[in-house]
Amino acid sequence: MNEAIKYRGKVFGPREIDEVREVIAAHRDRSRWFISRELCRRWGWRQPNGVLKDILCRGLLLRLEAQGLIELPPRGKIPPYHLSP
């Protein structure tokens, strides 16, 4: 299997995908949010204002999982949205 995908104009090859797997394995009990932020820190993915590009990274993680290249931790519970009375 060719372990490379193109996402938002960047090619992610076996080395990057292995790094994703390593982060997931090292933080199996953590959230997808945490994993995406950790990868952003490692890869230096920041917006011009310094904020981590974690939403972009989560999109990449979902694409990798959809293609069967990684297995993400289960989704956490999403708290219900309550409107103010």
PDB file of N, CA and C in Angstrom:
ATOM      1  N   MET A   1       0.842  -1.173   0.000  1.00  0.00           N
ATOM      2  CA  MET A   1       0.000   0.000   0.000  1.00  0.00           C
ATOM      3  C   MET A   1       0.892   1.243   0.000  1.00  0.00           C
ATOM      4  N   ASN A   2       0.561   2.194  -0.849  1.00  0.00           N
ATOM      5  CA  ASN A   2       1.300   3.443  -0.900  1.00  0.00           C
ATOM      6  C   ASN A   2       0.774   4.354   0.194  1.00  0.00           C
ATOM      7  N   GLU A   3       1.567   4.520   1.237  1.00  0.00           N
ATOM      8  CA  GLU A   3       1.150   5.336   2.363  1.00  0.00           C
ATOM      9  C   GLU A   3       1.525   6.791   2.130  1.00  0.00           C
ATOM     10  N   ALA A   4       0.837   7.447   1.257  1.00  0.00           N
ATOM     11  CA  ALA A   4       1.029   8.877   1.028  1.00  0.00           C
ATOM     12  C   ALA A   4      -0.296   9.461   0.590  1.00  0.00           C
ATOM     13  N   ILE A   5      -0.606  10.631   1.143  1.00  0.00           N
ATOM     14  CA  ILE A   5      -1.806  11.327   0.707  1.00  0.00           C
ATOM     15  C   ILE A   5      -1.463  12.796   0.515  1.00  0.00           C
ATOM     16  N   LYS A   6      -2.261  13.433  -0.306  1.00  0.00           N
ATOM     17  CA  LYS A   6      -2.119  14.868  -0.501  1.00  0.00           C
ATOM     18  C   LYS A   6      -3.291  15.529   0.199  1.00  0.00           C
ATOM     19  N   TYR A   7      -2.999  16.467   1.075  1.00  0.00           N
ATOM     20  CA  TYR A   7      -4.037  17.161   1.828  1.00  0.00           C
ATOM     21  C   TYR A   7      -3.722  18.642   1.840  1.00  0.00           C
ATOM     22  N   ARG A   8      -4.631  19.417   1.304  1.00  0.00           N
ATOM     23  CA  ARG A   8      -4.485  20.874   1.242  1.00  0.00           C
ATOM     24  C   ARG A   8      -3.161  21.295   0.608  1.00  0.00           C
ATOM     25  N   GLY A   9      -2.784  20.603  -0.457  1.00  0.00           N
ATOM     26  CA  GLY A   9      -1.602  20.965  -1.220  1.00  0.00           C
ATOM     27  C   GLY A   9      -0.289  20.414  -0.698  1.00  0.00           C
ATOM     28  N   LYS A  10      -0.309  19.705   0.432  1.00  0.00           N
ATOM     29  CA  LYS A  10       0.915  19.138   0.997  1.00  0.00           C
ATOM     30  C   LYS A  10       0.835  17.619   0.933  1.00  0.00           C
ATOM     31  N   VAL A  11       1.950  16.998   0.589  1.00  0.00           N
ATOM     32  CA  VAL A  11       2.012  15.536   0.535  1.00  0.00           C
ATOM     33  C   VAL A  11       2.507  15.022   1.883  1.00  0.00           C
ATOM     34  N   PHE A  12       1.772  14.070   2.433  1.00  0.00           N
ATOM     35  CA  PHE A  12       2.141  13.421   3.684  1.00  0.00           C
ATOM     36  C   PHE A  12       2.533  11.996   3.344  1.00  0.00           C
ATOM     37  N   GLY A  13       3.817  11.710   3.516  1.00  0.00           N
ATOM     38  CA  GLY A  13       4.355  10.407   3.164  1.00  0.00           C
ATOM     39  C   GLY A  13       4.472   9.492   4.363  1.00  0.00           C
ATOM     40  N   PRO A  14       5.144   8.370   4.184  1.00  0.00           N
ATOM     41  CA  PRO A  14       5.272   7.383   5.257  1.00  0.00           C
ATOM     42  C   PRO A  14       5.882   7.946   6.540  1.00  0.00           C
ATOM     43  N   ARG A  15       6.847   8.838   6.415  1.00  0.00           N
ATOM     44  CA  ARG A  15       7.496   9.385   7.618  1.00  0.00           C
ATOM     45  C   ARG A  15       6.495  10.183   8.465  1.00  0.00           C
ATOM     46  N   GLU A  16       5.715  11.046   7.808  1.00  0.00           N
ATOM     47  CA  GLU A  16       4.733  11.849   8.536  1.00  0.00           C
ATOM     48  C   GLU A  16       3.615  10.977   9.106  1.00  0.00           C
ATOM     49  N   ILE A  17       3.190  10.000   8.327  1.00  0.00           N
ATOM     50  CA  ILE A  17       2.119   9.118   8.802  1.00  0.00           C
ATOM     51  C   ILE A  17       2.606   8.276   9.980  1.00  0.00           C
ATOM     52  N   ASP A  18       3.860   7.834   9.947  1.00  0.00           N
ATOM     53  CA  ASP A  18       4.426   7.108  11.092  1.00  0.00           C
ATOM     54  C   ASP A  18       4.488   8.004  12.325  1.00  0.00           C
ATOM     55  N   GLU A  19       4.807   9.274  12.131  1.00  0.00           N
ATOM     56  CA  GLU A  19       4.842  10.199  13.268  1.00  0.00           C
ATOM     57  C   GLU A  19       3.445  10.369  13.862  1.00  0.00           C
ATOM     58  N   VAL A  20       2.436  10.431  13.015  1.00  0.00           N
ATOM     59  CA  VAL A  20       1.054  10.500  13.501  1.00  0.00           C
ATOM     60  C   VAL A  20       0.749   9.259  14.335  1.00  0.00           C
ATOM     61  N   ARG A  21       1.117   8.101  13.842  1.00  0.00           N
ATOM     62  CA  ARG A  21       0.876   6.847  14.578  1.00  0.00           C
ATOM     63  C   ARG A  21       1.599   6.847  15.924  1.00  0.00           C
ATOM     64  N   GLU A  22       2.832   7.360  15.939  1.00  0.00           N
ATOM     65  CA  GLU A  22       3.602   7.417  17.189  1.00  0.00           C
ATOM     66  C   GLU A  22       2.915   8.309  18.217  1.00  0.00           C
ATOM     67  N   VAL A  23       2.435   9.454  17.776  1.00  0.00           N
ATOM     68  CA  VAL A  23       1.752  10.371  18.697  1.00  0.00           C
ATOM     69  C   VAL A  23       0.475   9.729  19.229  1.00  0.00           C
ATOM     70  N   ILE A  24      -0.280   9.083  18.361  1.00  0.00           N
ATOM     71  CA  ILE A  24      -1.507   8.407  18.799  1.00  0.00           C
ATOM     72  C   ILE A  24      -1.169   7.314  19.810  1.00  0.00           C
ATOM     73  N   ALA A  25      -0.150   6.513  19.529  1.00  0.00           N
ATOM     74  CA  ALA A  25       0.229   5.424  20.435  1.00  0.00           C
ATOM     75  C   ALA A  25       0.714   5.957  21.785  1.00  0.00           C
ATOM     76  N   ALA A  26       1.453   7.052  21.764  1.00  0.00           N
ATOM     77  CA  ALA A  26       1.989   7.620  23.002  1.00  0.00           C
ATOM     78  C   ALA A  26       0.904   8.287  23.848  1.00  0.00           C
ATOM     79  N   HIS A  27      -0.186   8.685  23.214  1.00  0.00           N
ATOM     80  CA  HIS A  27      -1.243   9.422  23.916  1.00  0.00           C
ATOM     81  C   HIS A  27      -2.606   8.776  23.669  1.00  0.00           C
ATOM     82  N   ARG A  28      -2.660   7.465  23.744  1.00  0.00           N
ATOM     83  CA  ARG A  28      -3.880   6.714  23.421  1.00  0.00           C
ATOM     84  C   ARG A  28      -5.063   7.117  24.291  1.00  0.00           C
ATOM     85  N   ASP A  29      -4.782   7.542  25.512  1.00  0.00           N
ATOM     86  CA  ASP A  29      -5.861   7.904  26.432  1.00  0.00           C
ATOM     87  C   ASP A  29      -6.282   9.367  26.304  1.00  0.00           C
ATOM     88  N   ARG A  30      -5.662  10.088  25.388  1.00  0.00           N
ATOM     89  CA  ARG A  30      -5.969  11.509  25.209  1.00  0.00           C
ATOM     90  C   ARG A  30      -6.962  11.698  24.068  1.00  0.00           C
ATOM     91  N   SER A  31      -7.458  12.918  23.972  1.00  0.00           N
ATOM     92  CA  SER A  31      -8.482  13.227  22.970  1.00  0.00           C
ATOM     93  C   SER A  31      -7.875  13.470  21.593  1.00  0.00           C
ATOM     94  N   ARG A  32      -8.737  13.440  20.592  1.00  0.00           N
ATOM     95  CA  ARG A  32      -8.322  13.790  19.227  1.00  0.00           C
ATOM     96  C   ARG A  32      -7.823  15.234  19.193  1.00  0.00           C
ATOM     97  N   TRP A  33      -8.472  16.093  19.957  1.00  0.00           N
ATOM     98  CA  TRP A  33      -8.066  17.498  20.060  1.00  0.00           C
ATOM     99  C   TRP A  33      -6.618  17.588  20.540  1.00  0.00           C
ATOM    100  N   PHE A  34      -6.287  16.843  21.602  1.00  0.00           N
ATOM    101  CA  PHE A  34      -4.927  16.859  22.131  1.00  0.00           C
ATOM    102  C   PHE A  34      -3.930  16.360  21.082  1.00  0.00           C
ATOM    103  N   ILE A  35      -4.273  15.279  20.412  1.00  0.00           N
ATOM    104  CA  ILE A  35      -3.376  14.699  19.404  1.00  0.00           C
ATOM    105  C   ILE A  35      -3.135  15.682  18.268  1.00  0.00           C
ATOM    106  N   SER A  36      -4.183  16.348  17.807  1.00  0.00           N
ATOM    107  CA  SER A  36      -4.003  17.310  16.712  1.00  0.00           C
ATOM    108  C   SER A  36      -3.126  18.474  17.154  1.00  0.00           C
ATOM    109  N   ARG A  37      -3.295  18.938  18.376  1.00  0.00           N
ATOM    110  CA  ARG A  37      -2.471  20.051  18.870  1.00  0.00           C
ATOM    111  C   ARG A  37      -1.013  19.619  19.051  1.00  0.00           C
ATOM    112  N   GLU A  38      -0.799  18.407  19.499  1.00  0.00           N
ATOM    113  CA  GLU A  38       0.569  17.901  19.653  1.00  0.00           C
ATOM    114  C   GLU A  38       1.266  17.812  18.300  1.00  0.00           C
ATOM    115  N   LEU A  39       0.572  17.334  17.288  1.00  0.00           N
ATOM    116  CA  LEU A  39       1.161  17.274  15.947  1.00  0.00           C
ATOM    117  C   LEU A  39       1.453  18.676  15.419  1.00  0.00           C
ATOM    118  N   CYS A  40       0.550  19.621  15.651  1.00  0.00           N
ATOM    119  CA  CYS A  40       0.794  21.009  15.224  1.00  0.00           C
ATOM    120  C   CYS A  40       2.057  21.560  15.872  1.00  0.00           C
ATOM    121  N   ARG A  41       2.234  21.287  17.158  1.00  0.00           N
ATOM    122  CA  ARG A  41       3.446  21.761  17.852  1.00  0.00           C
ATOM    123  C   ARG A  41       4.695  21.140  17.226  1.00  0.00           C
ATOM    124  N   ARG A  42       4.652  19.841  16.986  1.00  0.00           N
ATOM    125  CA  ARG A  42       5.820  19.155  16.413  1.00  0.00           C
ATOM    126  C   ARG A  42       6.148  19.648  15.014  1.00  0.00           C
ATOM    127  N   TRP A  43       5.123  19.910  14.222  1.00  0.00           N
ATOM    128  CA  TRP A  43       5.323  20.295  12.825  1.00  0.00           C
ATOM    129  C   TRP A  43       5.412  21.804  12.628  1.00  0.00           C
ATOM    130  N   GLY A  44       5.218  22.572  13.700  1.00  0.00           N
ATOM    131  CA  GLY A  44       5.274  24.026  13.580  1.00  0.00           C
ATOM    132  C   GLY A  44       4.114  24.618  12.796  1.00  0.00           C
ATOM    133  N   TRP A  45       2.962  23.972  12.876  1.00  0.00           N
ATOM    134  CA  TRP A  45       1.779  24.441  12.149  1.00  0.00           C
ATOM    135  C   TRP A  45       1.095  25.526  12.962  1.00  0.00           C
ATOM    136  N   ARG A  46       1.350  26.764  12.586  1.00  0.00           N
ATOM    137  CA  ARG A  46       0.736  27.903  13.269  1.00  0.00           C
ATOM    138  C   ARG A  46       0.209  28.893  12.255  1.00  0.00           C
ATOM    139  N   GLN A  47      -0.847  29.568  12.643  1.00  0.00           N
ATOM    140  CA  GLN A  47      -1.379  30.658  11.847  1.00  0.00           C
ATOM    141  C   GLN A  47      -0.455  31.867  12.030  1.00  0.00           C
ATOM    142  N   PRO A  48      -0.585  32.877  11.181  1.00  0.00           N
ATOM    143  CA  PRO A  48       0.253  34.074  11.334  1.00  0.00           C
ATOM    144  C   PRO A  48       0.155  34.716  12.722  1.00  0.00           C
ATOM    145  N   ASN A  49      -0.987  34.556  13.396  1.00  0.00           N
ATOM    146  CA  ASN A  49      -1.135  35.128  14.735  1.00  0.00           C
ATOM    147  C   ASN A  49      -0.600  34.209  15.839  1.00  0.00           C
ATOM    148  N   GLY A  50      -0.003  33.083  15.468  1.00  0.00           N
ATOM    149  CA  GLY A  50       0.609  32.176  16.433  1.00  0.00           C
ATOM    150  C   GLY A  50      -0.278  31.046  16.929  1.00  0.00           C
ATOM    151  N   VAL A  51      -1.551  31.074  16.595  1.00  0.00           N
ATOM    152  CA  VAL A  51      -2.482  30.031  17.039  1.00  0.00           C
ATOM    153  C   VAL A  51      -2.222  28.748  16.252  1.00  0.00           C
ATOM    154  N   LEU A  52      -2.268  27.618  16.963  1.00  0.00           N
ATOM    155  CA  LEU A  52      -2.064  26.328  16.302  1.00  0.00           C
ATOM    156  C   LEU A  52      -3.161  26.061  15.278  1.00  0.00           C
ATOM    157  N   LYS A  53      -2.792  25.412  14.183  1.00  0.00           N
ATOM    158  CA  LYS A  53      -3.746  25.055  13.124  1.00  0.00           C
ATOM    159  C   LYS A  53      -4.356  23.685  13.419  1.00  0.00           C
ATOM    160  N   ASP A  54      -4.944  23.557  14.609  1.00  0.00           N
ATOM    161  CA  ASP A  54      -5.427  22.241  15.021  1.00  0.00           C
ATOM    162  C   ASP A  54      -6.653  21.780  14.242  1.00  0.00           C
ATOM    163  N   ILE A  55      -7.480  22.686  13.758  1.00  0.00           N
ATOM    164  CA  ILE A  55      -8.642  22.261  12.967  1.00  0.00           C
ATOM    165  C   ILE A  55      -8.174  21.676  11.637  1.00  0.00           C
ATOM    166  N   LEU A  56      -7.196  22.305  11.025  1.00  0.00           N
ATOM    167  CA  LEU A  56      -6.607  21.780   9.791  1.00  0.00           C
ATOM    168  C   LEU A  56      -6.026  20.388  10.041  1.00  0.00           C
ATOM    169  N   CYS A  57      -5.335  20.240  11.160  1.00  0.00           N
ATOM    170  CA  CYS A  57      -4.720  18.954  11.492  1.00  0.00           C
ATOM    171  C   CYS A  57      -5.784  17.893  11.759  1.00  0.00           C
ATOM    172  N   ARG A  58      -6.883  18.269  12.411  1.00  0.00           N
ATOM    173  CA  ARG A  58      -7.943  17.290  12.652  1.00  0.00           C
ATOM    174  C   ARG A  58      -8.558  16.816  11.345  1.00  0.00           C
ATOM    175  N   GLY A  59      -8.643  17.701  10.373  1.00  0.00           N
ATOM    176  CA  GLY A  59      -9.119  17.296   9.052  1.00  0.00           C
ATOM    177  C   GLY A  59      -8.199  16.265   8.427  1.00  0.00           C
ATOM    178  N   LEU A  60      -6.891  16.479   8.577  1.00  0.00           N
ATOM    179  CA  LEU A  60      -5.909  15.517   8.077  1.00  0.00           C
ATOM    180  C   LEU A  60      -6.075  14.174   8.787  1.00  0.00           C
ATOM    181  N   LEU A  61      -6.230  14.210  10.112  1.00  0.00           N
ATOM    182  CA  LEU A  61      -6.385  12.970  10.871  1.00  0.00           C
ATOM    183  C   LEU A  61      -7.627  12.194  10.427  1.00  0.00           C
ATOM    184  N   LEU A  62      -8.711  12.904  10.200  1.00  0.00           N
ATOM    185  CA  LEU A  62      -9.932  12.233   9.736  1.00  0.00           C
ATOM    186  C   LEU A  62      -9.739  11.615   8.358  1.00  0.00           C
ATOM    187  N   ARG A  63      -9.021  12.301   7.496  1.00  0.00           N
ATOM    188  CA  ARG A  63      -8.746  11.766   6.151  1.00  0.00           C
ATOM    189  C   ARG A  63      -7.890  10.506   6.261  1.00  0.00           C
ATOM    190  N   LEU A  64      -6.846  10.543   7.100  1.00  0.00           N
ATOM    191  CA  LEU A  64      -5.982   9.371   7.279  1.00  0.00           C
ATOM    192  C   LEU A  64      -6.777   8.189   7.832  1.00  0.00           C
ATOM    193  N   GLU A  65      -7.670   8.462   8.772  1.00  0.00           N
ATOM    194  CA  GLU A  65      -8.481   7.392   9.341  1.00  0.00           C
ATOM    195  C   GLU A  65      -9.450   6.835   8.299  1.00  0.00           C
ATOM    196  N   ALA A  66     -10.061   7.708   7.516  1.00  0.00           N
ATOM    197  CA  ALA A  66     -11.006   7.264   6.481  1.00  0.00           C
ATOM    198  C   ALA A  66     -10.327   6.362   5.454  1.00  0.00           C
ATOM    199  N   GLN A  67      -9.040   6.600   5.217  1.00  0.00           N
ATOM    200  CA  GLN A  67      -8.306   5.779   4.259  1.00  0.00           C
ATOM    201  C   GLN A  67      -7.682   4.541   4.905  1.00  0.00           C
ATOM    202  N   GLY A  68      -7.931   4.346   6.193  1.00  0.00           N
ATOM    203  CA  GLY A  68      -7.433   3.162   6.880  1.00  0.00           C
ATOM    204  C   GLY A  68      -5.958   3.212   7.225  1.00  0.00           C
ATOM    205  N   LEU A  69      -5.368   4.406   7.225  1.00  0.00           N
ATOM    206  CA  LEU A  69      -3.934   4.524   7.499  1.00  0.00           C
ATOM    207  C   LEU A  69      -3.624   4.688   8.981  1.00  0.00           C
ATOM    208  N   ILE A  70      -4.592   5.165   9.754  1.00  0.00           N
ATOM    209  CA  ILE A  70      -4.428   5.312  11.200  1.00  0.00           C
ATOM    210  C   ILE A  70      -5.740   4.934  11.869  1.00  0.00           C
ATOM    211  N   GLU A  71      -5.674   4.750  13.185  1.00  0.00           N
ATOM    212  CA  GLU A  71      -6.883   4.544  13.979  1.00  0.00           C
ATOM    213  C   GLU A  71      -6.864   5.552  15.113  1.00  0.00           C
ATOM    214  N   LEU A  72      -7.814   6.464  15.079  1.00  0.00           N
ATOM    215  CA  LEU A  72      -7.898   7.501  16.100  1.00  0.00           C
ATOM    216  C   LEU A  72      -8.575   6.962  17.355  1.00  0.00           C
ATOM    217  N   PRO A  73      -8.306   7.604  18.504  1.00  0.00           N
ATOM    218  CA  PRO A  73      -9.060   7.234  19.703  1.00  0.00           C
ATOM    219  C   PRO A  73     -10.546   7.521  19.474  1.00  0.00           C
ATOM    220  N   PRO A  74     -11.408   6.866  20.215  1.00  0.00           N
ATOM    221  CA  PRO A  74     -12.839   7.125  20.040  1.00  0.00           C
ATOM    222  C   PRO A  74     -13.164   8.593  20.314  1.00  0.00           C
ATOM    223  N   ARG A  75     -14.211   9.062  19.668  1.00  0.00           N
ATOM    224  CA  ARG A  75     -14.643  10.440  19.912  1.00  0.00           C
ATOM    225  C   ARG A  75     -15.120  10.566  21.351  1.00  0.00           C
ATOM    226  N   GLY A  76     -14.829  11.713  21.930  1.00  0.00           N
ATOM    227  CA  GLY A  76     -15.328  11.987  23.275  1.00  0.00           C
ATOM    228  C   GLY A  76     -16.781  12.390  23.225  1.00  0.00           C
ATOM    229  N   LYS A  77     -17.367  12.501  24.378  1.00  0.00           N
ATOM    230  CA  LYS A  77     -18.754  12.948  24.443  1.00  0.00           C
ATOM    231  C   LYS A  77     -18.802  14.439  24.156  1.00  0.00           C
ATOM    232  N   ILE A  78     -19.756  14.833  23.350  1.00  0.00           N
ATOM    233  CA  ILE A  78     -19.945  16.244  23.044  1.00  0.00           C
ATOM    234  C   ILE A  78     -21.021  16.765  23.988  1.00  0.00           C
ATOM    235  N   PRO A  79     -20.668  17.771  24.810  1.00  0.00           N
ATOM    236  CA  PRO A  79     -21.683  18.268  25.742  1.00  0.00           C
ATOM    237  C   PRO A  79     -22.845  18.898  24.986  1.00  0.00           C
ATOM    238  N   PRO A  80     -24.054  18.712  25.498  1.00  0.00           N
ATOM    239  CA  PRO A  80     -25.208  19.297  24.814  1.00  0.00           C
ATOM    240  C   PRO A  80     -25.151  20.815  24.867  1.00  0.00           C
ATOM    241  N   TYR A  81     -25.670  21.429  23.836  1.00  0.00           N
ATOM    242  CA  TYR A  81     -25.702  22.882  23.762  1.00  0.00           C
ATOM    243  C   TYR A  81     -27.007  23.355  24.388  1.00  0.00           C
ATOM    244  N   HIS A  82     -26.887  24.183  25.395  1.00  0.00           N
ATOM    245  CA  HIS A  82     -28.072  24.696  26.078  1.00  0.00           C
ATOM    246  C   HIS A  82     -28.244  26.169  25.749  1.00  0.00           C
ATOM    247  N   LEU A  83     -29.430  26.512  25.322  1.00  0.00           N
ATOM    248  CA  LEU A  83     -29.737  27.915  25.070  1.00  0.00           C
ATOM    249  C   LEU A  83     -30.011  28.611  26.395  1.00  0.00           C
ATOM    250  N   SER A  84     -29.620  29.860  26.471  1.00  0.00           N
ATOM    251  CA  SER A  84     -29.910  30.635  27.678  1.00  0.00           C
ATOM    252  C   SER A  84     -31.410  30.863  27.789  1.00  0.00           C
ATOM    253  N   PRO A  85     -31.960  30.813  29.026  1.00  0.00           N
ATOM    254  CA  PRO A  85     -33.414  31.014  29.184  1.00  0.00           C
ATOM    255  C   PRO A  85     -33.815  32.439  28.875  1.00  0.00           C
TER     256      PRO A  85
END
